[in-house]
Amino acid sequence: GLIISVFPSGKKKWVLSYRHHGKQNQ
């Protein structure tokens, strides 16, 4: 569930994708 997102501006952010109570969240 761990991803690195690269933005056009050059910023790089760590994002965690997970499920909680049956719903997908980030």
PDB file of all heavy atoms in Angstrom:
ATOM      1  N   GLY A   1       0.784  -1.231   0.000  1.00  0.00           N
ATOM      2  CA  GLY A   1       0.000   0.000   0.000  1.00  0.00           C
ATOM      3  C   GLY A   1       0.810   1.272   0.000  1.00  0.00           C
ATOM      4  O   GLY A   1       0.260   2.375  -0.115  1.00  0.00           O
ATOM      5  N   LEU A   2       2.113   1.175   0.134  1.00  0.00           N
ATOM      6  CA  LEU A   2       2.967   2.372   0.165  1.00  0.00           C
ATOM      7  C   LEU A   2       3.372   2.763  -1.257  1.00  0.00           C
ATOM      8  O   LEU A   2       3.873   1.939  -2.021  1.00  0.00           O
ATOM      9  CB  LEU A   2       4.212   2.111   1.004  1.00  0.00           C
ATOM     10  CG  LEU A   2       5.213   3.271   1.120  1.00  0.00           C
ATOM     11  CD1 LEU A   2       4.585   4.468   1.817  1.00  0.00           C
ATOM     12  CD2 LEU A   2       6.483   2.817   1.843  1.00  0.00           C
ATOM     13  N   ILE A   3       3.151   4.036  -1.605  1.00  0.00           N
ATOM     14  CA  ILE A   3       3.526   4.531  -2.932  1.00  0.00           C
ATOM     15  C   ILE A   3       4.245   5.863  -2.808  1.00  0.00           C
ATOM     16  O   ILE A   3       4.081   6.583  -1.814  1.00  0.00           O
ATOM     17  CB  ILE A   3       2.292   4.698  -3.851  1.00  0.00           C
ATOM     18  CG1 ILE A   3       1.317   5.713  -3.243  1.00  0.00           C
ATOM     19  CG2 ILE A   3       1.611   3.359  -4.115  1.00  0.00           C
ATOM     20  CD1 ILE A   3       0.105   5.990  -4.124  1.00  0.00           C
ATOM     21  N   ILE A   4       5.053   6.171  -3.812  1.00  0.00           N
ATOM     22  CA  ILE A   4       5.684   7.486  -3.901  1.00  0.00           C
ATOM     23  C   ILE A   4       5.041   8.212  -5.081  1.00  0.00           C
ATOM     24  O   ILE A   4       4.975   7.677  -6.188  1.00  0.00           O
ATOM     25  CB  ILE A   4       7.218   7.386  -4.082  1.00  0.00           C
ATOM     26  CG1 ILE A   4       7.858   8.787  -4.057  1.00  0.00           C
ATOM     27  CG2 ILE A   4       7.603   6.638  -5.335  1.00  0.00           C
ATOM     28  CD1 ILE A   4       7.990   9.377  -2.683  1.00  0.00           C
ATOM     29  N   SER A   5       4.475   9.378  -4.828  1.00  0.00           N
ATOM     30  CA  SER A   5       3.830  10.169  -5.895  1.00  0.00           C
ATOM     31  C   SER A   5       4.763  11.289  -6.325  1.00  0.00           C
ATOM     32  O   SER A   5       5.282  12.033  -5.469  1.00  0.00           O
ATOM     33  CB  SER A   5       2.509  10.748  -5.385  1.00  0.00           C
ATOM     34  OG  SER A   5       1.554   9.718  -5.196  1.00  0.00           O
ATOM     35  N   VAL A   6       4.968  11.390  -7.630  1.00  0.00           N
ATOM     36  CA  VAL A   6       5.855  12.424  -8.185  1.00  0.00           C
ATOM     37  C   VAL A   6       4.987  13.462  -8.901  1.00  0.00           C
ATOM     38  O   VAL A   6       4.218  13.128  -9.811  1.00  0.00           O
ATOM     39  CB  VAL A   6       6.872  11.812  -9.166  1.00  0.00           C
ATOM     40  CG1 VAL A   6       7.836  12.891  -9.670  1.00  0.00           C
ATOM     41  CG2 VAL A   6       7.648  10.673  -8.501  1.00  0.00           C
ATOM     42  N   PHE A   7       5.114  14.726  -8.477  1.00  0.00           N
ATOM     43  CA  PHE A   7       4.289  15.806  -9.013  1.00  0.00           C
ATOM     44  C   PHE A   7       5.049  16.569 -10.102  1.00  0.00           C
ATOM     45  O   PHE A   7       6.300  16.579 -10.114  1.00  0.00           O
ATOM     46  CB  PHE A   7       3.878  16.756  -7.891  1.00  0.00           C
ATOM     47  CG  PHE A   7       2.952  16.129  -6.879  1.00  0.00           C
ATOM     48  CD1 PHE A   7       3.441  15.312  -5.853  1.00  0.00           C
ATOM     49  CD2 PHE A   7       1.583  16.357  -6.967  1.00  0.00           C
ATOM     50  CE1 PHE A   7       2.583  14.741  -4.932  1.00  0.00           C
ATOM     51  CE2 PHE A   7       0.722  15.788  -6.038  1.00  0.00           C
ATOM     52  CZ  PHE A   7       1.225  14.971  -5.023  1.00  0.00           C
ATOM     53  N   PRO A   8       4.298  17.206 -11.011  1.00  0.00           N
ATOM     54  CA  PRO A   8       4.943  18.008 -12.072  1.00  0.00           C
ATOM     55  C   PRO A   8       5.901  19.050 -11.531  1.00  0.00           C
ATOM     56  O   PRO A   8       6.878  19.424 -12.196  1.00  0.00           O
ATOM     57  CB  PRO A   8       3.755  18.653 -12.786  1.00  0.00           C
ATOM     58  CG  PRO A   8       2.624  17.706 -12.560  1.00  0.00           C
ATOM     59  CD  PRO A   8       2.834  17.173 -11.175  1.00  0.00           C
ATOM     60  N   SER A   9       5.631  19.529 -10.312  1.00  0.00           N
ATOM     61  CA  SER A   9       6.508  20.537  -9.700  1.00  0.00           C
ATOM     62  C   SER A   9       7.845  19.951  -9.255  1.00  0.00           C
ATOM     63  O   SER A   9       8.774  20.686  -8.914  1.00  0.00           O
ATOM     64  CB  SER A   9       5.806  21.165  -8.496  1.00  0.00           C
ATOM     65  OG  SER A   9       5.578  20.166  -7.490  1.00  0.00           O
ATOM     66  N   GLY A  10       7.925  18.635  -9.216  1.00  0.00           N
ATOM     67  CA  GLY A  10       9.151  17.985  -8.752  1.00  0.00           C
ATOM     68  C   GLY A  10       9.042  17.446  -7.335  1.00  0.00           C
ATOM     69  O   GLY A  10       9.916  16.699  -6.872  1.00  0.00           O
ATOM     70  N   LYS A  11       7.962  17.804  -6.635  1.00  0.00           N
ATOM     71  CA  LYS A  11       7.773  17.289  -5.277  1.00  0.00           C
ATOM     72  C   LYS A  11       7.503  15.790  -5.321  1.00  0.00           C
ATOM     73  O   LYS A  11       6.865  15.285  -6.248  1.00  0.00           O
ATOM     74  CB  LYS A  11       6.607  17.994  -4.592  1.00  0.00           C
ATOM     75  CG  LYS A  11       6.956  19.361  -4.046  1.00  0.00           C
ATOM     76  CD  LYS A  11       5.812  19.895  -3.181  1.00  0.00           C
ATOM     77  CE  LYS A  11       6.193  21.225  -2.551  1.00  0.00           C
ATOM     78  NZ  LYS A  11       5.108  21.737  -1.675  1.00  0.00           N
ATOM     79  N   LYS A  12       7.978  15.124  -4.293  1.00  0.00           N
ATOM     80  CA  LYS A  12       7.750  13.679  -4.186  1.00  0.00           C
ATOM     81  C   LYS A  12       7.163  13.388  -2.800  1.00  0.00           C
ATOM     82  O   LYS A  12       7.789  13.714  -1.786  1.00  0.00           O
ATOM     83  CB  LYS A  12       9.057  12.914  -4.378  1.00  0.00           C
ATOM     84  CG  LYS A  12       9.697  13.150  -5.744  1.00  0.00           C
ATOM     85  CD  LYS A  12      11.096  12.588  -5.834  1.00  0.00           C
ATOM     86  CE  LYS A  12      11.759  12.963  -7.161  1.00  0.00           C
ATOM     87  NZ  LYS A  12      13.154  12.493  -7.250  1.00  0.00           N
ATOM     88  N   LYS A  13       5.971  12.791  -2.769  1.00  0.00           N
ATOM     89  CA  LYS A  13       5.282  12.543  -1.503  1.00  0.00           C
ATOM     90  C   LYS A  13       5.008  11.051  -1.323  1.00  0.00           C
ATOM     91  O   LYS A  13       4.628  10.359  -2.259  1.00  0.00           O
ATOM     92  CB  LYS A  13       3.966  13.313  -1.447  1.00  0.00           C
ATOM     93  CG  LYS A  13       4.127  14.820  -1.364  1.00  0.00           C
ATOM     94  CD  LYS A  13       2.773  15.500  -1.180  1.00  0.00           C
ATOM     95  CE  LYS A  13       2.926  17.016  -1.056  1.00  0.00           C
ATOM     96  NZ  LYS A  13       1.607  17.684  -0.868  1.00  0.00           N
ATOM     97  N   TRP A  14       5.198  10.629  -0.048  1.00  0.00           N
ATOM     98  CA  TRP A  14       4.864   9.257   0.311  1.00  0.00           C
ATOM     99  C   TRP A  14       3.381   9.194   0.677  1.00  0.00           C
ATOM    100  O   TRP A  14       2.898   9.973   1.487  1.00  0.00           O
ATOM    101  CB  TRP A  14       5.687   8.788   1.505  1.00  0.00           C
ATOM    102  CG  TRP A  14       7.157   8.640   1.227  1.00  0.00           C
ATOM    103  CD1 TRP A  14       8.151   9.471   1.601  1.00  0.00           C
ATOM    104  CD2 TRP A  14       7.765   7.576   0.506  1.00  0.00           C
ATOM    105  NE1 TRP A  14       9.366   9.028   1.174  1.00  0.00           N
ATOM    106  CE2 TRP A  14       9.161   7.835   0.494  1.00  0.00           C
ATOM    107  CE3 TRP A  14       7.298   6.433  -0.140  1.00  0.00           C
ATOM    108  CZ2 TRP A  14      10.071   6.993  -0.133  1.00  0.00           C
ATOM    109  CZ3 TRP A  14       8.218   5.592  -0.755  1.00  0.00           C
ATOM    110  CH2 TRP A  14       9.578   5.868  -0.754  1.00  0.00           C
ATOM    111  N   VAL A  15       2.668   8.261   0.079  1.00  0.00           N
ATOM    112  CA  VAL A  15       1.232   8.105   0.325  1.00  0.00           C
ATOM    113  C   VAL A  15       0.956   6.647   0.657  1.00  0.00           C
ATOM    114  O   VAL A  15       1.479   5.732   0.000  1.00  0.00           O
ATOM    115  CB  VAL A  15       0.400   8.526  -0.907  1.00  0.00           C
ATOM    116  CG1 VAL A  15      -1.095   8.332  -0.635  1.00  0.00           C
ATOM    117  CG2 VAL A  15       0.694   9.982  -1.266  1.00  0.00           C
ATOM    118  N   LEU A  16       0.147   6.432   1.679  1.00  0.00           N
ATOM    119  CA  LEU A  16      -0.242   5.069   2.065  1.00  0.00           C
ATOM    120  C   LEU A  16      -1.692   4.834   1.666  1.00  0.00           C
ATOM    121  O   LEU A  16      -2.586   5.581   2.065  1.00  0.00           O
ATOM    122  CB  LEU A  16      -0.079   4.863   3.572  1.00  0.00           C
ATOM    123  CG  LEU A  16      -0.512   3.494   4.104  1.00  0.00           C
ATOM    124  CD1 LEU A  16       0.389   2.381   3.539  1.00  0.00           C
ATOM    125  CD2 LEU A  16      -0.491   3.465   5.640  1.00  0.00           C
ATOM    126  N   SER A  17      -1.907   3.804   0.885  1.00  0.00           N
ATOM    127  CA  SER A  17      -3.256   3.410   0.499  1.00  0.00           C
ATOM    128  C   SER A  17      -3.682   2.244   1.388  1.00  0.00           C
ATOM    129  O   SER A  17      -2.950   1.252   1.503  1.00  0.00           O
ATOM    130  CB  SER A  17      -3.277   2.993  -0.981  1.00  0.00           C
ATOM    131  OG  SER A  17      -4.582   2.605  -1.368  1.00  0.00           O
ATOM    132  N   TYR A  18      -4.840   2.369   2.031  1.00  0.00           N
ATOM    133  CA  TYR A  18      -5.266   1.329   2.989  1.00  0.00           C
ATOM    134  C   TYR A  18      -6.788   1.237   3.027  1.00  0.00           C
ATOM    135  O   TYR A  18      -7.502   2.151   2.604  1.00  0.00           O
ATOM    136  CB  TYR A  18      -4.730   1.644   4.385  1.00  0.00           C
ATOM    137  CG  TYR A  18      -5.275   2.928   4.967  1.00  0.00           C
ATOM    138  CD1 TYR A  18      -6.380   2.918   5.825  1.00  0.00           C
ATOM    139  CD2 TYR A  18      -4.692   4.169   4.663  1.00  0.00           C
ATOM    140  CE1 TYR A  18      -6.888   4.103   6.344  1.00  0.00           C
ATOM    141  CE2 TYR A  18      -5.200   5.347   5.178  1.00  0.00           C
ATOM    142  CZ  TYR A  18      -6.300   5.300   6.021  1.00  0.00           C
ATOM    143  OH  TYR A  18      -6.823   6.466   6.532  1.00  0.00           O
ATOM    144  N   ARG A  19      -7.276   0.123   3.535  1.00  0.00           N
ATOM    145  CA  ARG A  19      -8.711  -0.081   3.724  1.00  0.00           C
ATOM    146  C   ARG A  19      -9.028  -0.041   5.210  1.00  0.00           C
ATOM    147  O   ARG A  19      -8.312  -0.621   6.024  1.00  0.00           O
ATOM    148  CB  ARG A  19      -9.173  -1.420   3.136  1.00  0.00           C
ATOM    149  CG  ARG A  19      -9.110  -1.477   1.615  1.00  0.00           C
ATOM    150  CD  ARG A  19      -9.719  -2.770   1.086  1.00  0.00           C
ATOM    151  NE  ARG A  19     -11.163  -2.820   1.281  1.00  0.00           N
ATOM    152  CZ  ARG A  19     -12.052  -2.234   0.475  1.00  0.00           C
ATOM    153  NH1 ARG A  19     -11.640  -1.551  -0.594  1.00  0.00           N
ATOM    154  NH2 ARG A  19     -13.345  -2.335   0.717  1.00  0.00           N
ATOM    155  N   HIS A  20     -10.110   0.655   5.550  1.00  0.00           N
ATOM    156  CA  HIS A  20     -10.528   0.751   6.946  1.00  0.00           C
ATOM    157  C   HIS A  20     -12.048   0.764   6.989  1.00  0.00           C
ATOM    158  O   HIS A  20     -12.688   1.591   6.341  1.00  0.00           O
ATOM    159  CB  HIS A  20      -9.954   2.022   7.588  1.00  0.00           C
ATOM    160  CG  HIS A  20     -10.158   2.085   9.075  1.00  0.00           C
ATOM    161  ND1 HIS A  20      -9.757   1.078   9.920  1.00  0.00           N
ATOM    162  CD2 HIS A  20     -10.727   3.042   9.863  1.00  0.00           C
ATOM    163  CE1 HIS A  20     -10.052   1.409  11.164  1.00  0.00           C
ATOM    164  NE2 HIS A  20     -10.651   2.593  11.155  1.00  0.00           N
ATOM    165  N   HIS A  21     -12.606  -0.183   7.747  1.00  0.00           N
ATOM    166  CA  HIS A  21     -14.059  -0.344   7.830  1.00  0.00           C
ATOM    167  C   HIS A  21     -14.685  -0.513   6.440  1.00  0.00           C
ATOM    168  O   HIS A  21     -15.743   0.038   6.136  1.00  0.00           O
ATOM    169  CB  HIS A  21     -14.709   0.856   8.540  1.00  0.00           C
ATOM    170  CG  HIS A  21     -14.289   0.995   9.976  1.00  0.00           C
ATOM    171  ND1 HIS A  21     -14.287  -0.058  10.861  1.00  0.00           N
ATOM    172  CD2 HIS A  21     -13.842   2.079  10.679  1.00  0.00           C
ATOM    173  CE1 HIS A  21     -13.875   0.362  12.051  1.00  0.00           C
ATOM    174  NE2 HIS A  21     -13.594   1.665  11.967  1.00  0.00           N
ATOM    175  N   GLY A  22     -13.983  -1.247   5.580  1.00  0.00           N
ATOM    176  CA  GLY A  22     -14.516  -1.556   4.260  1.00  0.00           C
ATOM    177  C   GLY A  22     -14.333  -0.463   3.227  1.00  0.00           C
ATOM    178  O   GLY A  22     -14.777  -0.612   2.079  1.00  0.00           O
ATOM    179  N   LYS A  23     -13.709   0.630   3.558  1.00  0.00           N
ATOM    180  CA  LYS A  23     -13.529   1.746   2.623  1.00  0.00           C
ATOM    181  C   LYS A  23     -12.053   1.944   2.306  1.00  0.00           C
ATOM    182  O   LYS A  23     -11.194   1.784   3.175  1.00  0.00           O
ATOM    183  CB  LYS A  23     -14.101   3.041   3.206  1.00  0.00           C
ATOM    184  CG  LYS A  23     -15.616   3.015   3.395  1.00  0.00           C
ATOM    185  CD  LYS A  23     -16.109   4.356   3.936  1.00  0.00           C
ATOM    186  CE  LYS A  23     -17.624   4.362   4.111  1.00  0.00           C
ATOM    187  NZ  LYS A  23     -18.124   5.658   4.608  1.00  0.00           N
ATOM    188  N   GLN A  24     -11.783   2.305   1.059  1.00  0.00           N
ATOM    189  CA  GLN A  24     -10.418   2.573   0.633  1.00  0.00           C
ATOM    190  C   GLN A  24     -10.049   4.006   0.991  1.00  0.00           C
ATOM    191  O   GLN A  24     -10.817   4.941   0.735  1.00  0.00           O
ATOM    192  CB  GLN A  24     -10.279   2.360  -0.880  1.00  0.00           C
ATOM    193  CG  GLN A  24      -8.853   2.309  -1.384  1.00  0.00           C
ATOM    194  CD  GLN A  24      -8.095   1.080  -0.887  1.00  0.00           C
ATOM    195  OE1 GLN A  24      -8.700   0.045  -0.613  1.00  0.00           O
ATOM    196  NE2 GLN A  24      -6.780   1.205  -0.755  1.00  0.00           N
ATOM    197  N   ASN A  25      -8.899   4.186   1.589  1.00  0.00           N
ATOM    198  CA  ASN A  25      -8.453   5.510   2.030  1.00  0.00           C
ATOM    199  C   ASN A  25      -6.992   5.723   1.650  1.00  0.00           C
ATOM    200  O   ASN A  25      -6.263   4.764   1.346  1.00  0.00           O
ATOM    201  CB  ASN A  25      -8.604   5.655   3.545  1.00  0.00           C
ATOM    202  CG  ASN A  25     -10.024   5.515   4.018  1.00  0.00           C
ATOM    203  OD1 ASN A  25     -10.795   6.459   3.951  1.00  0.00           O
ATOM    204  ND2 ASN A  25     -10.382   4.331   4.508  1.00  0.00           N
ATOM    205  N   GLN A  26      -6.576   6.973   1.710  1.00  0.00           N
ATOM    206  CA  GLN A  26      -5.171   7.312   1.497  1.00  0.00           C
ATOM    207  C   GLN A  26      -4.709   8.295   2.571  1.00  0.00           C
ATOM    208  O   GLN A  26      -5.488   9.133   3.026  1.00  0.00           O
ATOM    209  CB  GLN A  26      -4.959   7.925   0.109  1.00  0.00           C
ATOM    210  CG  GLN A  26      -5.017   6.917  -1.029  1.00  0.00           C
ATOM    211  CD  GLN A  26      -4.517   7.493  -2.337  1.00  0.00           C
ATOM    212  OE1 GLN A  26      -4.539   8.706  -2.552  1.00  0.00           O
ATOM    213  NE2 GLN A  26      -4.026   6.625  -3.213  1.00  0.00           N
TER     214      GLN A  26
END
